[in-house]
Amino acid sequence: MSSVSSYFQRSRPQSVPQGPTQRDVTNALEPLFNYFNDNFAIMKQTLTDSAMVMVMTRLWKEVLATIESLLVPPLSDKLSQQRPLTQQELDIVFKWLQVFHTPCFNKQY
C-alpha cells in the first residue's frame, strides 16, 4: 500500500510558477513611462512639432530595436554570448509589446 501512495505522491504534477501578470509588467514599466512623460513635456515646450515627432520616432525605433535584440539572436558567423530567453522571459517581452501598443502609450503630446 505504501508503494502505491508513494507512486501517486511522485506523479502528482508540480505546481508551475506563474509569471508576472500584465499589471505587474505595466507597474514595472511605470518609472520608464514617468521618465518619458516628464521629458516629452519639456521637449514639447522647447522643440518644434516636427523636431518632437523626429525625437519620438527615433526613441520608438530604439525601443523596438532593443526588444528585437532580446528576441532575435545576432545573425553572424561569430559566436554570441546571447542565450535564448526562457519561456517566462518571452512572455514578459510580449507583455511589454502589449503595453507599448496601448492607446495611452501612443497618445499625442
Protein backbone atom coordinates (compact mmCIF):
# COMPACT_ATOMS: atom_id res chain seq x y z
CA MET A 1 0.00 0.00 0.00
CA SER A 2 2.78 2.42 0.83
CA SER A 3 4.35 1.87 -2.61
CA VAL A 4 1.07 2.84 -4.27
CA SER A 5 0.69 6.01 -2.20
CA SER A 6 4.32 6.95 -2.82
CA TYR A 7 3.75 6.49 -6.56
CA PHE A 8 0.84 8.93 -6.51
CA GLN A 9 2.84 11.45 -4.50
CA ARG A 10 5.67 11.27 -7.02
CA SER A 11 3.45 11.51 -10.08
CA ARG A 12 1.48 14.48 -8.77
CA PRO A 13 2.13 17.41 -11.06
CA GLN A 14 4.40 20.04 -9.60
CA SER A 15 2.90 23.48 -9.34
CA VAL A 16 4.12 25.62 -12.21
CA PRO A 17 5.29 29.04 -11.04
CA GLN A 18 3.20 31.75 -12.63
CA GLY A 19 4.95 34.59 -14.35
CA PRO A 20 4.17 38.22 -13.74
CA THR A 21 0.73 39.43 -14.66
CA GLN A 22 0.06 42.15 -17.20
CA ARG A 23 -0.46 44.53 -14.27
CA ASP A 24 2.95 43.55 -12.81
CA VAL A 25 4.60 44.26 -16.17
CA THR A 26 2.82 47.60 -16.51
CA ASN A 27 3.76 48.59 -12.95
CA ALA A 28 7.40 47.65 -13.60
CA LEU A 29 7.42 49.93 -16.65
CA GLU A 30 5.83 52.83 -14.76
CA PRO A 31 9.15 54.58 -13.94
CA LEU A 32 10.08 54.46 -17.63
CA PHE A 33 6.70 55.92 -18.61
CA ASN A 34 7.06 58.66 -15.98
CA TYR A 35 10.50 59.47 -17.37
CA PHE A 36 9.09 59.65 -20.91
CA ASN A 37 6.17 61.83 -19.81
CA ASP A 38 8.39 64.27 -17.91
CA ASN A 39 10.90 64.59 -20.73
CA PHE A 40 8.34 64.71 -23.51
CA ALA A 41 6.54 67.53 -21.72
CA ILE A 42 9.78 69.53 -21.56
CA MET A 43 10.63 68.75 -25.19
CA LYS A 44 7.13 69.71 -26.31
CA GLN A 45 7.70 73.17 -24.81
CA THR A 46 11.10 73.66 -26.43
CA LEU A 47 11.02 71.80 -29.74
CA THR A 48 9.09 72.43 -32.91
CA ASP A 49 6.39 69.92 -33.74
CA SER A 50 8.48 68.34 -36.48
CA ALA A 51 11.51 68.04 -34.19
CA MET A 52 9.31 66.50 -31.48
CA VAL A 53 7.98 63.91 -33.93
CA MET A 54 11.54 63.17 -35.05
CA VAL A 55 12.73 62.64 -31.46
CA MET A 56 9.76 60.44 -30.57
CA THR A 57 10.17 58.41 -33.77
CA ARG A 58 13.85 57.83 -33.03
CA LEU A 59 13.06 56.81 -29.47
CA TRP A 60 10.34 54.42 -30.65
CA LYS A 61 12.82 52.84 -33.11
CA GLU A 62 15.29 52.36 -30.25
CA VAL A 63 12.62 50.70 -28.09
CA LEU A 64 11.72 48.34 -30.94
CA ALA A 65 15.39 47.60 -31.72
CA THR A 66 16.02 46.76 -28.07
CA ILE A 67 13.05 44.40 -27.95
CA GLU A 68 14.12 42.84 -31.24
CA SER A 69 17.65 42.29 -29.92
CA LEU A 70 16.17 40.38 -26.99
CA LEU A 71 14.04 38.16 -29.21
CA VAL A 72 16.24 37.58 -32.26
CA PRO A 73 19.77 36.25 -31.91
CA PRO A 74 22.52 38.06 -33.80
CA LEU A 75 22.86 36.84 -37.38
CA SER A 76 26.58 36.35 -37.74
CA ASP A 77 29.27 33.73 -38.16
CA LYS A 78 30.76 34.86 -34.85
CA LEU A 79 29.75 33.14 -31.64
CA SER A 80 27.40 35.11 -29.46
CA GLN A 81 27.14 35.29 -25.69
CA GLN A 82 23.38 35.84 -26.01
CA ARG A 83 21.38 33.00 -24.55
CA PRO A 84 17.85 32.12 -25.58
CA LEU A 85 15.15 33.64 -23.42
CA THR A 86 13.23 31.40 -21.08
CA GLN A 87 9.51 30.99 -21.67
CA GLN A 88 8.79 33.36 -18.78
CA GLU A 89 11.16 35.98 -20.23
CA LEU A 90 9.49 35.62 -23.64
CA ASP A 91 6.10 36.09 -22.02
CA ILE A 92 7.34 39.27 -20.34
CA VAL A 93 8.73 40.69 -23.59
CA PHE A 94 5.43 40.04 -25.37
CA LYS A 95 3.58 41.67 -22.48
CA TRP A 96 5.84 44.71 -22.95
CA LEU A 97 4.75 44.84 -26.57
CA GLN A 98 1.11 44.75 -25.49
CA VAL A 99 1.73 47.64 -23.09
CA PHE A 100 3.52 49.67 -25.77
CA HIS A 101 0.65 49.04 -28.16
CA THR A 102 -1.97 50.57 -25.84
CA PRO A 103 -3.60 53.91 -26.74
CA CYS A 104 -2.22 55.61 -23.61
CA PHE A 105 1.35 54.98 -24.75
CA ASN A 106 0.60 56.17 -28.26
CA LYS A 107 -1.11 59.40 -27.21
CA GLN A 108 -0.10 62.62 -28.89
CA TYR A 109 1.99 65.09 -26.88
